[in-house]
Amino acid sequence: MLVSRAGRKFWYLRYTFRQHRRAIKLGEFPTTSLIAARQRAYELKGQIDRCIGLGQASGHLGSPGA
């Protein structure tokens, strides 16, 4: 979970793909529950493990801090 300076809370999946650190926003808390964020993260990890590029995934970021 990342908390913005404004106090908004977001679920993120952070991962490394081809030696680049990346992050995908999974949703905003409390709109997205922990269970839903974990399910989405599990699905995305499967895609990462199969070496599928996630450039088209919603909320894709070039780096975790962006």
PDB file of N, CA and C in Angstrom:
ATOM      1  N   MET A   1       0.854  -1.171   0.000  1.00  0.00           N
ATOM      2  CA  MET A   1       0.000   0.000   0.000  1.00  0.00           C
ATOM      3  C   MET A   1       0.895   1.226   0.000  1.00  0.00           C
ATOM      4  N   LEU A   2       0.509   2.202  -0.798  1.00  0.00           N
ATOM      5  CA  LEU A   2       1.193   3.478  -0.855  1.00  0.00           C
ATOM      6  C   LEU A   2       0.215   4.557  -0.411  1.00  0.00           C
ATOM      7  N   VAL A   3       0.665   5.454   0.441  1.00  0.00           N
ATOM      8  CA  VAL A   3      -0.162   6.558   0.896  1.00  0.00           C
ATOM      9  C   VAL A   3       0.400   7.834   0.283  1.00  0.00           C
ATOM     10  N   SER A   4      -0.440   8.551  -0.466  1.00  0.00           N
ATOM     11  CA  SER A   4       0.003   9.783  -1.114  1.00  0.00           C
ATOM     12  C   SER A   4       0.120  10.905  -0.093  1.00  0.00           C
ATOM     13  N   ARG A   5       0.732  11.981  -0.480  1.00  0.00           N
ATOM     14  CA  ARG A   5       0.862  13.145   0.408  1.00  0.00           C
ATOM     15  C   ARG A   5      -0.500  13.705   0.789  1.00  0.00           C
ATOM     16  N   ALA A   6      -1.471  13.531  -0.083  1.00  0.00           N
ATOM     17  CA  ALA A   6      -2.826  14.012   0.183  1.00  0.00           C
ATOM     18  C   ALA A   6      -3.607  13.051   1.093  1.00  0.00           C
ATOM     19  N   GLY A   7      -3.000  11.911   1.418  1.00  0.00           N
ATOM     20  CA  GLY A   7      -3.647  10.957   2.303  1.00  0.00           C
ATOM     21  C   GLY A   7      -4.422   9.850   1.611  1.00  0.00           C
ATOM     22  N   ARG A   8      -4.439   9.844   0.276  1.00  0.00           N
ATOM     23  CA  ARG A   8      -5.115   8.773  -0.452  1.00  0.00           C
ATOM     24  C   ARG A   8      -4.260   7.514  -0.379  1.00  0.00           C
ATOM     25  N   LYS A   9      -4.907   6.346  -0.331  1.00  0.00           N
ATOM     26  CA  LYS A   9      -4.213   5.068  -0.169  1.00  0.00           C
ATOM     27  C   LYS A   9      -4.457   4.193  -1.389  1.00  0.00           C
ATOM     28  N   PHE A  10      -3.381   3.631  -1.921  1.00  0.00           N
ATOM     29  CA  PHE A  10      -3.447   2.820  -3.126  1.00  0.00           C
ATOM     30  C   PHE A  10      -2.731   1.497  -2.909  1.00  0.00           C
ATOM     31  N   TRP A  11      -3.300   0.434  -3.487  1.00  0.00           N
ATOM     32  CA  TRP A  11      -2.648  -0.870  -3.522  1.00  0.00           C
ATOM     33  C   TRP A  11      -1.783  -0.924  -4.771  1.00  0.00           C
ATOM     34  N   TYR A  12      -0.550  -1.380  -4.632  1.00  0.00           N
ATOM     35  CA  TYR A  12       0.373  -1.516  -5.754  1.00  0.00           C
ATOM     36  C   TYR A  12       0.982  -2.903  -5.757  1.00  0.00           C
ATOM     37  N   LEU A  13       1.304  -3.382  -6.944  1.00  0.00           N
ATOM     38  CA  LEU A  13       2.122  -4.577  -7.112  1.00  0.00           C
ATOM     39  C   LEU A  13       3.465  -4.093  -7.630  1.00  0.00           C
ATOM     40  N   ARG A  14       4.514  -4.319  -6.860  1.00  0.00           N
ATOM     41  CA  ARG A  14       5.861  -3.959  -7.295  1.00  0.00           C
ATOM     42  C   ARG A  14       6.565  -5.234  -7.731  1.00  0.00           C
ATOM     43  N   TYR A  15       7.281  -5.144  -8.847  1.00  0.00           N
ATOM     44  CA  TYR A  15       7.960  -6.318  -9.385  1.00  0.00           C
ATOM     45  C   TYR A  15       9.142  -5.887 -10.222  1.00  0.00           C
ATOM     46  N   THR A  16       9.991  -6.847 -10.578  1.00  0.00           N
ATOM     47  CA  THR A  16      11.123  -6.606 -11.462  1.00  0.00           C
ATOM     48  C   THR A  16      10.899  -7.423 -12.725  1.00  0.00           C
ATOM     49  N   PHE A  17      11.028  -6.770 -13.875  1.00  0.00           N
ATOM     50  CA  PHE A  17      10.845  -7.446 -15.162  1.00  0.00           C
ATOM     51  C   PHE A  17      11.969  -6.999 -16.075  1.00  0.00           C
ATOM     52  N   ARG A  18      12.746  -7.957 -16.542  1.00  0.00           N
ATOM     53  CA  ARG A  18      13.899  -7.670 -17.404  1.00  0.00           C
ATOM     54  C   ARG A  18      14.817  -6.624 -16.773  1.00  0.00           C
ATOM     55  N   GLN A  19      15.116  -6.830 -15.523  1.00  0.00           N
ATOM     56  CA  GLN A  19      16.032  -6.003 -14.741  1.00  0.00           C
ATOM     57  C   GLN A  19      15.552  -4.563 -14.553  1.00  0.00           C
ATOM     58  N   HIS A  20      14.268  -4.322 -14.659  1.00  0.00           N
ATOM     59  CA  HIS A  20      13.693  -3.000 -14.416  1.00  0.00           C
ATOM     60  C   HIS A  20      12.633  -3.123 -13.322  1.00  0.00           C
ATOM     61  N   ARG A  21      12.739  -2.266 -12.318  1.00  0.00           N
ATOM     62  CA  ARG A  21      11.718  -2.242 -11.267  1.00  0.00           C
ATOM     63  C   ARG A  21      10.488  -1.530 -11.805  1.00  0.00           C
ATOM     64  N   ARG A  22       9.343  -2.097 -11.555  1.00  0.00           N
ATOM     65  CA  ARG A  22       8.091  -1.536 -12.041  1.00  0.00           C
ATOM     66  C   ARG A  22       7.020  -1.666 -10.974  1.00  0.00           C
ATOM     67  N   ALA A  23       5.915  -0.971 -11.181  1.00  0.00           N
ATOM     68  CA  ALA A  23       4.788  -1.061 -10.256  1.00  0.00           C
ATOM     69  C   ALA A  23       3.493  -0.909 -11.044  1.00  0.00           C
ATOM     70  N   ILE A  24       2.484  -1.616 -10.608  1.00  0.00           N
ATOM     71  CA  ILE A  24       1.152  -1.525 -11.213  1.00  0.00           C
ATOM     72  C   ILE A  24       0.178  -1.165 -10.102  1.00  0.00           C
ATOM     73  N   LYS A  25      -0.603  -0.137 -10.341  1.00  0.00           N
ATOM     74  CA  LYS A  25      -1.619   0.255  -9.373  1.00  0.00           C
ATOM     75  C   LYS A  25      -2.767  -0.742  -9.452  1.00  0.00           C
ATOM     76  N   LEU A  26      -3.117  -1.333  -8.315  1.00  0.00           N
ATOM     77  CA  LEU A  26      -4.176  -2.332  -8.271  1.00  0.00           C
ATOM     78  C   LEU A  26      -5.527  -1.724  -7.922  1.00  0.00           C
ATOM     79  N   GLY A  27      -5.514  -0.564  -7.293  1.00  0.00           N
ATOM     80  CA  GLY A  27      -6.765   0.086  -6.924  1.00  0.00           C
ATOM     81  C   GLY A  27      -6.577   0.992  -5.726  1.00  0.00           C
ATOM     82  N   GLU A  28      -7.619   1.741  -5.431  1.00  0.00           N
ATOM     83  CA  GLU A  28      -7.581   2.667  -4.308  1.00  0.00           C
ATOM     84  C   GLU A  28      -8.340   2.078  -3.128  1.00  0.00           C
ATOM     85  N   PHE A  29      -7.761   2.250  -1.943  1.00  0.00           N
ATOM     86  CA  PHE A  29      -8.406   1.812  -0.710  1.00  0.00           C
ATOM     87  C   PHE A  29      -9.349   2.907  -0.255  1.00  0.00           C
ATOM     88  N   PRO A  30     -10.550   2.648   0.187  1.00  0.00           N
ATOM     89  CA  PRO A  30     -11.169   1.356   0.467  1.00  0.00           C
ATOM     90  C   PRO A  30     -12.021   0.820  -0.682  1.00  0.00           C
ATOM     91  N   THR A  31     -12.035   1.513  -1.825  1.00  0.00           N
ATOM     92  CA  THR A  31     -12.838   1.050  -2.955  1.00  0.00           C
ATOM     93  C   THR A  31     -12.434  -0.361  -3.368  1.00  0.00           C
ATOM     94  N   THR A  32     -11.130  -0.624  -3.407  1.00  0.00           N
ATOM     95  CA  THR A  32     -10.615  -1.951  -3.717  1.00  0.00           C
ATOM     96  C   THR A  32     -10.218  -2.617  -2.411  1.00  0.00           C
ATOM     97  N   SER A  33     -10.814  -3.746  -2.115  1.00  0.00           N
ATOM     98  CA  SER A  33     -10.517  -4.454  -0.867  1.00  0.00           C
ATOM     99  C   SER A  33      -9.153  -5.133  -0.945  1.00  0.00           C
ATOM    100  N   LEU A  34      -8.638  -5.513   0.196  1.00  0.00           N
ATOM    101  CA  LEU A  34      -7.380  -6.250   0.237  1.00  0.00           C
ATOM    102  C   LEU A  34      -7.503  -7.558  -0.524  1.00  0.00           C
ATOM    103  N   ILE A  35      -8.620  -8.232  -0.383  1.00  0.00           N
ATOM    104  CA  ILE A  35      -8.827  -9.508  -1.081  1.00  0.00           C
ATOM    105  C   ILE A  35      -8.805  -9.309  -2.590  1.00  0.00           C
ATOM    106  N   ALA A  36      -9.490  -8.277  -3.088  1.00  0.00           N
ATOM    107  CA  ALA A  36      -9.519  -8.004  -4.528  1.00  0.00           C
ATOM    108  C   ALA A  36      -8.134  -7.617  -5.037  1.00  0.00           C
ATOM    109  N   ALA A  37      -7.398  -6.824  -4.262  1.00  0.00           N
ATOM    110  CA  ALA A  37      -6.049  -6.422  -4.657  1.00  0.00           C
ATOM    111  C   ALA A  37      -5.134  -7.645  -4.719  1.00  0.00           C
ATOM    112  N   ARG A  38      -5.264  -8.545  -3.756  1.00  0.00           N
ATOM    113  CA  ARG A  38      -4.443  -9.758  -3.757  1.00  0.00           C
ATOM    114  C   ARG A  38      -4.768 -10.651  -4.944  1.00  0.00           C
ATOM    115  N   GLN A  39      -6.049 -10.772  -5.290  1.00  0.00           N
ATOM    116  CA  GLN A  39      -6.439 -11.588  -6.444  1.00  0.00           C
ATOM    117  C   GLN A  39      -5.852 -11.011  -7.731  1.00  0.00           C
ATOM    118  N   ARG A  40      -5.961  -9.695  -7.887  1.00  0.00           N
ATOM    119  CA  ARG A  40      -5.415  -9.034  -9.085  1.00  0.00           C
ATOM    120  C   ARG A  40      -3.898  -9.206  -9.140  1.00  0.00           C
ATOM    121  N   ALA A  41      -3.234  -9.053  -7.992  1.00  0.00           N
ATOM    122  CA  ALA A  41      -1.779  -9.224  -7.937  1.00  0.00           C
ATOM    123  C   ALA A  41      -1.392 -10.648  -8.321  1.00  0.00           C
ATOM    124  N   TYR A  42      -2.147 -11.630  -7.842  1.00  0.00           N
ATOM    125  CA  TYR A  42      -1.880 -13.028  -8.174  1.00  0.00           C
ATOM    126  C   TYR A  42      -1.988 -13.256  -9.685  1.00  0.00           C
ATOM    127  N   GLU A  43      -3.019 -12.696 -10.310  1.00  0.00           N
ATOM    128  CA  GLU A  43      -3.198 -12.823 -11.762  1.00  0.00           C
ATOM    129  C   GLU A  43      -2.032 -12.176 -12.509  1.00  0.00           C
ATOM    130  N   LEU A  44      -1.654 -10.984 -12.089  1.00  0.00           N
ATOM    131  CA  LEU A  44      -0.571 -10.274 -12.760  1.00  0.00           C
ATOM    132  C   LEU A  44       0.771 -10.967 -12.574  1.00  0.00           C
ATOM    133  N   LYS A  45       1.002 -11.549 -11.403  1.00  0.00           N
ATOM    134  CA  LYS A  45       2.242 -12.290 -11.174  1.00  0.00           C
ATOM    135  C   LYS A  45       2.338 -13.471 -12.126  1.00  0.00           C
ATOM    136  N   GLY A  46       1.209 -14.106 -12.413  1.00  0.00           N
ATOM    137  CA  GLY A  46       1.195 -15.200 -13.372  1.00  0.00           C
ATOM    138  C   GLY A  46       1.612 -14.737 -14.753  1.00  0.00           C
ATOM    139  N   GLN A  47       1.124 -13.561 -15.161  1.00  0.00           N
ATOM    140  CA  GLN A  47       1.513 -13.000 -16.454  1.00  0.00           C
ATOM    141  C   GLN A  47       2.994 -12.652 -16.475  1.00  0.00           C
ATOM    142  N   ILE A  48       3.485 -12.096 -15.381  1.00  0.00           N
ATOM    143  CA  ILE A  48       4.902 -11.752 -15.296  1.00  0.00           C
ATOM    144  C   ILE A  48       5.746 -13.011 -15.381  1.00  0.00           C
ATOM    145  N   ASP A  49       5.341 -14.057 -14.667  1.00  0.00           N
ATOM    146  CA  ASP A  49       6.075 -15.324 -14.692  1.00  0.00           C
ATOM    147  C   ASP A  49       6.109 -15.931 -16.085  1.00  0.00           C
ATOM    148  N   ARG A  50       5.077 -15.697 -16.873  1.00  0.00           N
ATOM    149  CA  ARG A  50       5.028 -16.207 -18.245  1.00  0.00           C
ATOM    150  C   ARG A  50       5.678 -15.231 -19.220  1.00  0.00           C
ATOM    151  N   CYS A  51       6.325 -14.189 -18.687  1.00  0.00           N
ATOM    152  CA  CYS A  51       7.063 -13.202 -19.481  1.00  0.00           C
ATOM    153  C   CYS A  51       6.173 -12.444 -20.447  1.00  0.00           C
ATOM    154  N   ILE A  52       4.951 -12.181 -20.051  1.00  0.00           N
ATOM    155  CA  ILE A  52       4.053 -11.384 -20.867  1.00  0.00           C
ATOM    156  C   ILE A  52       4.280  -9.937 -20.487  1.00  0.00           C
ATOM    157  N   GLY A  53       4.541  -9.093 -21.475  1.00  0.00           N
ATOM    158  CA  GLY A  53       4.733  -7.687 -21.197  1.00  0.00           C
ATOM    159  C   GLY A  53       3.456  -7.070 -20.653  1.00  0.00           C
ATOM    160  N   LEU A  54       3.587  -6.214 -19.671  1.00  0.00           N
ATOM    161  CA  LEU A  54       2.420  -5.622 -19.033  1.00  0.00           C
ATOM    162  C   LEU A  54       2.264  -4.140 -19.389  1.00  0.00           C
ATOM    163  N   GLY A  55       2.853  -3.713 -20.473  1.00  0.00           N
ATOM    164  CA  GLY A  55       2.765  -2.319 -20.874  1.00  0.00           C
ATOM    165  C   GLY A  55       1.353  -1.860 -21.107  1.00  0.00           C
ATOM    166  N   GLN A  56       0.441  -2.758 -21.411  1.00  0.00           N
ATOM    167  CA  GLN A  56      -0.944  -2.389 -21.667  1.00  0.00           C
ATOM    168  C   GLN A  56      -1.814  -2.545 -20.436  1.00  0.00           C
ATOM    169  N   ALA A  57      -1.218  -3.021 -19.336  1.00  0.00           N
ATOM    170  CA  ALA A  57      -1.984  -3.213 -18.111  1.00  0.00           C
ATOM    171  C   ALA A  57      -2.371  -1.876 -17.530  1.00  0.00           C
ATOM    172  N   SER A  58      -3.550  -1.813 -16.977  1.00  0.00           N
ATOM    173  CA  SER A  58      -4.046  -0.586 -16.371  1.00  0.00           C
ATOM    174  C   SER A  58      -3.184  -0.179 -15.199  1.00  0.00           C
ATOM    175  N   GLY A  59      -2.785   1.081 -15.179  1.00  0.00           N
ATOM    176  CA  GLY A  59      -2.024   1.606 -14.055  1.00  0.00           C
ATOM    177  C   GLY A  59      -0.548   1.282 -14.114  1.00  0.00           C
ATOM    178  N   HIS A  60      -0.041   0.860 -15.273  1.00  0.00           N
ATOM    179  CA  HIS A  60       1.360   0.513 -15.392  1.00  0.00           C
ATOM    180  C   HIS A  60       2.214   1.747 -15.201  1.00  0.00           C
ATOM    181  N   LEU A  61       3.247   1.603 -14.408  1.00  0.00           N
ATOM    182  CA  LEU A  61       4.179   2.696 -14.165  1.00  0.00           C
ATOM    183  C   LEU A  61       5.581   2.246 -14.503  1.00  0.00           C
ATOM    184  N   GLY A  62       6.389   3.179 -14.925  1.00  0.00           N
ATOM    185  CA  GLY A  62       7.774   2.859 -15.252  1.00  0.00           C
ATOM    186  C   GLY A  62       8.614   2.553 -14.038  1.00  0.00           C
ATOM    187  N   SER A  63       8.321   3.164 -12.909  1.00  0.00           N
ATOM    188  CA  SER A  63       9.057   2.888 -11.688  1.00  0.00           C
ATOM    189  C   SER A  63       8.111   3.025 -10.506  1.00  0.00           C
ATOM    190  N   PRO A  64       8.423   2.373  -9.405  1.00  0.00           N
ATOM    191  CA  PRO A  64       7.518   2.386  -8.267  1.00  0.00           C
ATOM    192  C   PRO A  64       7.264   3.773  -7.702  1.00  0.00           C
ATOM    193  N   GLY A  65       8.230   4.660  -7.780  1.00  0.00           N
ATOM    194  CA  GLY A  65       8.044   5.983  -7.210  1.00  0.00           C
ATOM    195  C   GLY A  65       7.321   6.969  -8.112  1.00  0.00           C
ATOM    196  N   ALA A  66       7.014   6.591  -9.334  1.00  0.00           N
ATOM    197  CA  ALA A  66       6.396   7.527 -10.292  1.00  0.00           C
ATOM    198  C   ALA A  66       4.923   7.715 -10.038  1.00  0.00           C
TER     199      ALA A  66
END
